[in-house]
Amino acid sequence: MKGSKFLLTLIVAGLLVIGCSQKRIESTETPKAPEKPVVEKPVAVPAGQYTVVAHDTLWGIAGKSDIYSDNFEWPLIFKANRDIIKDPDLIYPKQDFKINKGVSSEDMKNAKDLAMKTPKYVPHTQPRTTLPIDYF
């Protein structure tokens, strides 16, 4: 029994010496930080304006805290920009929208009513010749 404990101790000590004496190779390369994906951000424009970025919707823009903080108020943006928005479902990056901040509570209520009456989105790529409801 004594001999086997001694032999086991000798083997463990030998393995430790071998493991500690091996030459370690260290990399001299500096690890590179992972590349961050490029995210298009809205361009800073004067107060009361908004520049559309990819994947924006009137619904999403209206819901932004610095716009109206209420998605259902998107018809306000549509009405204020009817000269450049032909179809509320089709807006494009780099369009500059006017944002009316001094909107009456009656106009806000009307916008919400119009948004709620708007039928469910049906995909299309060309502006509709007739909108589903009269926003104006």
N, C-alpha and C. Protein backbone atom coordinates (compact mmCIF):
# COMPACT_ATOMS: atom_id res chain seq x y z
N MET A 1 0.83 -1.17 0.00
CA MET A 1 0.00 0.00 0.00
C MET A 1 0.88 1.25 0.00
N LYS A 2 1.94 1.22 0.87
CA LYS A 2 2.84 2.37 0.94
C LYS A 2 3.52 2.60 -0.39
N GLY A 3 3.91 1.54 -1.03
CA GLY A 3 4.62 1.65 -2.30
C GLY A 3 3.73 2.22 -3.40
N SER A 4 2.45 1.86 -3.40
CA SER A 4 1.56 2.36 -4.45
C SER A 4 1.25 3.84 -4.25
N LYS A 5 1.17 4.30 -3.00
CA LYS A 5 0.95 5.73 -2.74
C LYS A 5 2.17 6.51 -3.18
N PHE A 6 3.35 5.97 -2.90
CA PHE A 6 4.59 6.64 -3.29
C PHE A 6 4.68 6.73 -4.81
N LEU A 7 4.35 5.64 -5.48
CA LEU A 7 4.41 5.60 -6.93
C LEU A 7 3.40 6.59 -7.55
N LEU A 8 2.21 6.65 -7.00
CA LEU A 8 1.19 7.58 -7.47
C LEU A 8 1.64 9.02 -7.27
N THR A 9 2.22 9.33 -6.13
CA THR A 9 2.73 10.67 -5.85
C THR A 9 3.83 11.03 -6.83
N LEU A 10 4.73 10.08 -7.11
CA LEU A 10 5.82 10.30 -8.04
C LEU A 10 5.30 10.57 -9.45
N ILE A 11 4.27 9.88 -9.90
CA ILE A 11 3.69 10.07 -11.24
C ILE A 11 3.04 11.45 -11.35
N VAL A 12 2.27 11.84 -10.32
CA VAL A 12 1.61 13.15 -10.32
C VAL A 12 2.65 14.26 -10.35
N ALA A 13 3.69 14.14 -9.54
CA ALA A 13 4.76 15.15 -9.51
C ALA A 13 5.44 15.24 -10.87
N GLY A 14 5.68 14.10 -11.50
CA GLY A 14 6.32 14.10 -12.82
C GLY A 14 5.45 14.77 -13.87
N LEU A 15 4.17 14.52 -13.82
CA LEU A 15 3.26 15.15 -14.78
C LEU A 15 3.22 16.66 -14.58
N LEU A 16 3.25 17.10 -13.33
CA LEU A 16 3.26 18.54 -13.05
C LEU A 16 4.52 19.18 -13.60
N VAL A 17 5.67 18.53 -13.42
CA VAL A 17 6.93 19.08 -13.92
C VAL A 17 6.90 19.16 -15.44
N ILE A 18 6.40 18.11 -16.09
CA ILE A 18 6.34 18.10 -17.55
C ILE A 18 5.40 19.20 -18.05
N GLY A 19 4.24 19.32 -17.42
CA GLY A 19 3.26 20.33 -17.83
C GLY A 19 3.77 21.74 -17.63
N CYS A 20 4.48 21.99 -16.57
CA CYS A 20 4.97 23.34 -16.28
C CYS A 20 6.18 23.71 -17.12
N SER A 21 6.91 22.70 -17.62
CA SER A 21 8.13 23.01 -18.34
C SER A 21 7.91 23.19 -19.84
N GLN A 22 6.72 22.90 -20.34
CA GLN A 22 6.49 23.03 -21.77
C GLN A 22 6.49 24.51 -22.15
N LYS A 23 7.04 24.78 -23.31
CA LYS A 23 7.13 26.15 -23.81
C LYS A 23 5.74 26.58 -24.29
N ARG A 24 5.36 27.75 -23.88
CA ARG A 24 4.04 28.26 -24.29
C ARG A 24 4.23 29.23 -25.44
N ILE A 25 3.37 29.12 -26.39
CA ILE A 25 3.41 30.01 -27.54
C ILE A 25 2.30 31.04 -27.36
N GLU A 26 2.69 32.29 -27.38
CA GLU A 26 1.70 33.35 -27.22
C GLU A 26 1.52 34.07 -28.54
N SER A 27 0.31 34.44 -28.80
CA SER A 27 0.00 35.18 -30.02
C SER A 27 0.40 36.64 -29.86
N THR A 28 1.02 37.20 -30.89
CA THR A 28 1.39 38.61 -30.84
C THR A 28 0.35 39.47 -31.55
N GLU A 29 -0.68 38.82 -32.12
CA GLU A 29 -1.73 39.57 -32.79
C GLU A 29 -2.69 40.16 -31.78
N THR A 30 -3.09 41.39 -32.05
CA THR A 30 -4.09 42.03 -31.21
C THR A 30 -5.46 41.60 -31.72
N PRO A 31 -6.30 41.08 -30.83
CA PRO A 31 -7.62 40.65 -31.29
C PRO A 31 -8.41 41.85 -31.82
N LYS A 32 -9.09 41.64 -32.93
CA LYS A 32 -9.88 42.71 -33.53
C LYS A 32 -11.28 42.69 -32.94
N ALA A 33 -11.79 43.89 -32.72
CA ALA A 33 -13.17 44.01 -32.23
C ALA A 33 -14.11 43.59 -33.36
N PRO A 34 -15.19 42.92 -33.01
CA PRO A 34 -16.13 42.52 -34.06
C PRO A 34 -16.72 43.76 -34.72
N GLU A 35 -16.92 43.67 -36.02
CA GLU A 35 -17.47 44.80 -36.75
C GLU A 35 -18.93 44.97 -36.40
N LYS A 36 -19.31 46.22 -36.16
CA LYS A 36 -20.70 46.51 -35.83
C LYS A 36 -21.47 46.69 -37.13
N PRO A 37 -22.70 46.17 -37.17
CA PRO A 37 -23.49 46.35 -38.38
C PRO A 37 -23.83 47.83 -38.57
N VAL A 38 -23.85 48.25 -39.81
CA VAL A 38 -24.18 49.64 -40.10
C VAL A 38 -25.69 49.80 -40.01
N VAL A 39 -26.12 50.71 -39.14
CA VAL A 39 -27.53 50.97 -38.97
C VAL A 39 -27.79 52.40 -39.42
N GLU A 40 -28.69 52.53 -40.37
CA GLU A 40 -29.01 53.85 -40.88
C GLU A 40 -29.84 54.58 -39.83
N LYS A 41 -29.39 55.78 -39.48
CA LYS A 41 -30.09 56.57 -38.47
C LYS A 41 -30.69 57.81 -39.12
N PRO A 42 -31.78 58.30 -38.53
CA PRO A 42 -32.36 59.52 -39.08
C PRO A 42 -31.35 60.66 -39.02
N VAL A 43 -31.33 61.47 -40.06
CA VAL A 43 -30.45 62.62 -40.11
C VAL A 43 -31.07 63.72 -39.26
N ALA A 44 -30.24 64.42 -38.50
CA ALA A 44 -30.75 65.51 -37.69
C ALA A 44 -31.29 66.61 -38.60
N VAL A 45 -32.52 66.96 -38.38
CA VAL A 45 -33.15 68.04 -39.13
C VAL A 45 -33.80 68.98 -38.13
N PRO A 46 -34.13 70.18 -38.57
CA PRO A 46 -34.74 71.13 -37.64
C PRO A 46 -35.99 70.57 -36.97
N ALA A 47 -36.31 71.09 -35.79
CA ALA A 47 -37.50 70.67 -35.06
C ALA A 47 -38.71 70.84 -35.97
N GLY A 48 -39.64 69.89 -35.88
CA GLY A 48 -40.81 69.96 -36.72
C GLY A 48 -40.61 69.29 -38.06
N GLN A 49 -39.51 68.58 -38.22
CA GLN A 49 -39.25 67.83 -39.45
C GLN A 49 -38.72 66.45 -39.11
N TYR A 50 -38.83 65.55 -40.07
CA TYR A 50 -38.30 64.20 -39.91
C TYR A 50 -37.85 63.70 -41.27
N THR A 51 -36.65 63.11 -41.32
CA THR A 51 -36.14 62.52 -42.56
C THR A 51 -36.34 61.01 -42.48
N VAL A 52 -37.02 60.47 -43.45
CA VAL A 52 -37.34 59.04 -43.50
C VAL A 52 -36.08 58.22 -43.72
N VAL A 53 -35.96 57.11 -42.99
CA VAL A 53 -34.87 56.15 -43.20
C VAL A 53 -35.51 54.83 -43.65
N ALA A 54 -34.67 53.93 -44.12
CA ALA A 54 -35.15 52.63 -44.60
C ALA A 54 -36.00 51.94 -43.53
N HIS A 55 -37.07 51.34 -43.95
CA HIS A 55 -38.00 50.56 -43.13
C HIS A 55 -38.91 51.42 -42.24
N ASP A 56 -38.88 52.73 -42.39
CA ASP A 56 -39.81 53.58 -41.65
C ASP A 56 -41.22 53.39 -42.19
N THR A 57 -42.20 53.64 -41.33
CA THR A 57 -43.60 53.70 -41.72
C THR A 57 -44.19 54.93 -41.05
N LEU A 58 -45.28 55.44 -41.56
CA LEU A 58 -45.93 56.58 -40.90
C LEU A 58 -46.34 56.18 -39.49
N TRP A 59 -46.81 54.96 -39.33
CA TRP A 59 -47.19 54.42 -38.02
C TRP A 59 -46.01 54.49 -37.05
N GLY A 60 -44.86 54.01 -37.49
CA GLY A 60 -43.67 53.99 -36.64
C GLY A 60 -43.15 55.38 -36.33
N ILE A 61 -43.18 56.27 -37.32
CA ILE A 61 -42.69 57.64 -37.11
C ILE A 61 -43.58 58.35 -36.10
N ALA A 62 -44.90 58.24 -36.25
CA ALA A 62 -45.83 58.91 -35.34
C ALA A 62 -45.64 58.43 -33.90
N GLY A 63 -45.26 57.17 -33.73
CA GLY A 63 -45.09 56.61 -32.39
C GLY A 63 -43.81 57.02 -31.69
N LYS A 64 -42.89 57.63 -32.40
CA LYS A 64 -41.62 58.05 -31.78
C LYS A 64 -41.89 59.11 -30.72
N SER A 65 -41.14 59.03 -29.62
CA SER A 65 -41.37 59.95 -28.50
C SER A 65 -41.13 61.41 -28.86
N ASP A 66 -40.26 61.67 -29.83
CA ASP A 66 -40.00 63.05 -30.21
C ASP A 66 -40.91 63.53 -31.35
N ILE A 67 -41.84 62.67 -31.77
CA ILE A 67 -42.81 63.07 -32.80
C ILE A 67 -44.16 63.25 -32.09
N TYR A 68 -45.01 62.20 -32.05
CA TYR A 68 -46.30 62.31 -31.37
C TYR A 68 -46.46 61.33 -30.21
N SER A 69 -45.60 60.34 -30.11
CA SER A 69 -45.68 59.30 -29.08
C SER A 69 -46.99 58.50 -29.16
N ASP A 70 -47.61 58.51 -30.30
CA ASP A 70 -48.85 57.77 -30.49
C ASP A 70 -48.92 57.33 -31.95
N ASN A 71 -48.79 56.04 -32.18
CA ASN A 71 -48.81 55.51 -33.54
C ASN A 71 -50.07 55.87 -34.30
N PHE A 72 -51.19 55.95 -33.60
CA PHE A 72 -52.48 56.22 -34.25
C PHE A 72 -52.59 57.65 -34.79
N GLU A 73 -51.61 58.48 -34.53
CA GLU A 73 -51.66 59.85 -35.04
C GLU A 73 -50.92 60.00 -36.38
N TRP A 74 -50.61 58.87 -37.02
CA TRP A 74 -49.91 58.93 -38.31
C TRP A 74 -50.65 59.72 -39.38
N PRO A 75 -52.01 59.79 -39.38
CA PRO A 75 -52.66 60.61 -40.41
C PRO A 75 -52.27 62.09 -40.34
N LEU A 76 -51.83 62.57 -39.18
CA LEU A 76 -51.37 63.96 -39.06
C LEU A 76 -50.15 64.19 -39.95
N ILE A 77 -49.26 63.21 -39.98
CA ILE A 77 -48.06 63.32 -40.82
C ILE A 77 -48.46 63.25 -42.29
N PHE A 78 -49.37 62.34 -42.60
CA PHE A 78 -49.86 62.19 -43.98
C PHE A 78 -50.48 63.50 -44.46
N LYS A 79 -51.35 64.09 -43.66
CA LYS A 79 -52.02 65.33 -44.05
C LYS A 79 -51.02 66.48 -44.22
N ALA A 80 -50.05 66.57 -43.32
CA ALA A 80 -49.08 67.67 -43.37
C ALA A 80 -48.15 67.54 -44.57
N ASN A 81 -48.08 66.36 -45.15
CA ASN A 81 -47.13 66.11 -46.25
C ASN A 81 -47.81 65.55 -47.48
N ARG A 82 -49.07 65.88 -47.67
CA ARG A 82 -49.81 65.31 -48.81
C ARG A 82 -49.22 65.71 -50.15
N ASP A 83 -48.39 66.75 -50.17
CA ASP A 83 -47.74 67.14 -51.43
C ASP A 83 -46.65 66.17 -51.84
N ILE A 84 -46.07 65.42 -50.88
CA ILE A 84 -45.02 64.46 -51.22
C ILE A 84 -45.40 63.00 -50.94
N ILE A 85 -46.46 62.79 -50.16
CA ILE A 85 -46.92 61.42 -49.89
C ILE A 85 -48.19 61.18 -50.70
N LYS A 86 -48.10 60.30 -51.68
CA LYS A 86 -49.27 59.99 -52.51
C LYS A 86 -50.10 58.86 -51.91
N ASP A 87 -49.44 57.97 -51.18
CA ASP A 87 -50.09 56.80 -50.59
C ASP A 87 -49.45 56.62 -49.22
N PRO A 88 -50.23 56.59 -48.14
CA PRO A 88 -49.64 56.50 -46.79
C PRO A 88 -48.86 55.21 -46.54
N ASP A 89 -49.07 54.19 -47.37
CA ASP A 89 -48.33 52.93 -47.23
C ASP A 89 -46.96 53.00 -47.89
N LEU A 90 -46.75 54.00 -48.74
CA LEU A 90 -45.51 54.05 -49.53
C LEU A 90 -44.75 55.34 -49.25
N ILE A 91 -43.80 55.25 -48.33
CA ILE A 91 -42.89 56.37 -48.08
C ILE A 91 -41.48 55.86 -48.34
N TYR A 92 -40.56 56.80 -48.59
CA TYR A 92 -39.24 56.39 -49.07
C TYR A 92 -38.13 57.08 -48.30
N PRO A 93 -36.98 56.40 -48.13
CA PRO A 93 -35.84 57.01 -47.45
C PRO A 93 -35.47 58.35 -48.08
N LYS A 94 -35.03 59.23 -47.22
CA LYS A 94 -34.57 60.59 -47.56
C LYS A 94 -35.70 61.57 -47.84
N GLN A 95 -36.96 61.14 -47.70
CA GLN A 95 -38.05 62.11 -47.79
C GLN A 95 -38.03 62.93 -46.51
N ASP A 96 -38.22 64.23 -46.63
CA ASP A 96 -38.27 65.11 -45.45
C ASP A 96 -39.73 65.47 -45.18
N PHE A 97 -40.20 65.08 -44.01
CA PHE A 97 -41.59 65.34 -43.63
C PHE A 97 -41.67 66.49 -42.65
N LYS A 98 -42.70 67.31 -42.82
CA LYS A 98 -43.03 68.34 -41.83
C LYS A 98 -43.79 67.64 -40.71
N ILE A 99 -43.49 68.01 -39.49
CA ILE A 99 -44.20 67.47 -38.34
C ILE A 99 -44.85 68.64 -37.62
N ASN A 100 -46.17 68.70 -37.66
CA ASN A 100 -46.89 69.79 -36.98
C ASN A 100 -47.00 69.45 -35.49
N LYS A 101 -46.36 70.25 -34.67
CA LYS A 101 -46.37 70.00 -33.22
C LYS A 101 -47.57 70.67 -32.53
N GLY A 102 -48.05 71.77 -33.06
CA GLY A 102 -49.14 72.49 -32.42
C GLY A 102 -50.50 72.04 -32.91
N VAL A 103 -50.75 70.75 -32.81
CA VAL A 103 -52.00 70.18 -33.32
C VAL A 103 -53.06 70.23 -32.23
N SER A 104 -54.27 70.59 -32.61
CA SER A 104 -55.36 70.68 -31.64
C SER A 104 -55.78 69.28 -31.18
N SER A 105 -56.42 69.21 -30.02
CA SER A 105 -56.89 67.92 -29.52
C SER A 105 -57.96 67.35 -30.45
N GLU A 106 -58.72 68.21 -31.10
CA GLU A 106 -59.74 67.75 -32.05
C GLU A 106 -59.07 67.10 -33.26
N ASP A 107 -57.98 67.71 -33.77
CA ASP A 107 -57.25 67.13 -34.90
C ASP A 107 -56.63 65.79 -34.51
N MET A 108 -56.13 65.69 -33.27
CA MET A 108 -55.54 64.42 -32.80
C MET A 108 -56.61 63.34 -32.75
N LYS A 109 -57.79 63.69 -32.22
CA LYS A 109 -58.87 62.72 -32.12
C LYS A 109 -59.30 62.27 -33.51
N ASN A 110 -59.43 63.23 -34.43
CA ASN A 110 -59.81 62.91 -35.80
C ASN A 110 -58.78 61.98 -36.45
N ALA A 111 -57.49 62.27 -36.24
CA ALA A 111 -56.42 61.43 -36.80
C ALA A 111 -56.52 60.00 -36.27
N LYS A 112 -56.76 59.87 -34.97
CA LYS A 112 -56.88 58.53 -34.37
C LYS A 112 -58.08 57.79 -34.95
N ASP A 113 -59.19 58.50 -35.13
CA ASP A 113 -60.38 57.87 -35.72
C ASP A 113 -60.09 57.38 -37.14
N LEU A 114 -59.41 58.21 -37.93
CA LEU A 114 -59.06 57.82 -39.30
C LEU A 114 -58.13 56.60 -39.29
N ALA A 115 -57.16 56.60 -38.39
CA ALA A 115 -56.22 55.48 -38.32
C ALA A 115 -56.95 54.18 -37.97
N MET A 116 -57.91 54.27 -37.06
CA MET A 116 -58.66 53.07 -36.66
C MET A 116 -59.57 52.57 -37.78
N LYS A 117 -60.05 53.48 -38.63
CA LYS A 117 -60.93 53.09 -39.74
C LYS A 117 -60.15 52.58 -40.94
N THR A 118 -58.84 52.81 -40.96
CA THR A 118 -58.03 52.38 -42.10
C THR A 118 -58.00 50.86 -42.18
N PRO A 119 -58.32 50.30 -43.35
CA PRO A 119 -58.30 48.83 -43.50
C PRO A 119 -56.88 48.28 -43.32
N LYS A 120 -56.84 47.00 -43.06
CA LYS A 120 -55.57 46.30 -42.89
C LYS A 120 -54.70 46.47 -44.14
N TYR A 121 -53.40 46.58 -43.93
CA TYR A 121 -52.43 46.76 -45.02
C TYR A 121 -52.48 45.60 -46.01
N VAL A 122 -52.50 45.95 -47.27
CA VAL A 122 -52.41 44.97 -48.37
C VAL A 122 -51.16 45.36 -49.16
N PRO A 123 -50.18 44.46 -49.28
CA PRO A 123 -48.94 44.81 -49.97
C PRO A 123 -49.17 45.34 -51.39
N HIS A 124 -48.43 46.39 -51.73
CA HIS A 124 -48.46 46.96 -53.07
C HIS A 124 -47.20 47.81 -53.25
N THR A 125 -46.80 48.01 -54.49
CA THR A 125 -45.57 48.77 -54.76
C THR A 125 -45.81 50.09 -55.47
N GLN A 126 -47.00 50.26 -56.03
CA GLN A 126 -47.36 51.50 -56.71
C GLN A 126 -48.42 52.23 -55.88
N PRO A 127 -48.39 53.55 -55.87
CA PRO A 127 -49.42 54.28 -55.13
C PRO A 127 -50.82 53.92 -55.64
N ARG A 128 -51.73 53.76 -54.72
CA ARG A 128 -53.12 53.47 -55.10
C ARG A 128 -53.75 54.72 -55.72
N THR A 129 -54.59 54.53 -56.70
CA THR A 129 -55.25 55.68 -57.32
C THR A 129 -56.39 56.18 -56.43
N THR A 130 -57.00 55.29 -55.66
CA THR A 130 -58.05 55.66 -54.72
C THR A 130 -57.67 55.10 -53.35
N LEU A 131 -57.61 55.98 -52.38
CA LEU A 131 -57.28 55.54 -51.02
C LEU A 131 -58.53 54.93 -50.38
N PRO A 132 -58.33 54.03 -49.39
CA PRO A 132 -59.48 53.33 -48.81
C PRO A 132 -60.46 54.24 -48.06
N ILE A 133 -59.98 55.33 -47.51
CA ILE A 133 -60.85 56.31 -46.85
C ILE A 133 -60.35 57.71 -47.20
N ASP A 134 -61.20 58.70 -46.97
CA ASP A 134 -60.85 60.09 -47.27
C ASP A 134 -60.13 60.68 -46.04
N TYR A 135 -58.82 60.83 -46.16
CA TYR A 135 -58.02 61.36 -45.05
C TYR A 135 -58.06 62.89 -44.99
N PHE A 136 -58.62 63.50 -46.03
CA PHE A 136 -58.58 64.96 -46.11
C PHE A 136 -59.97 65.50 -46.01
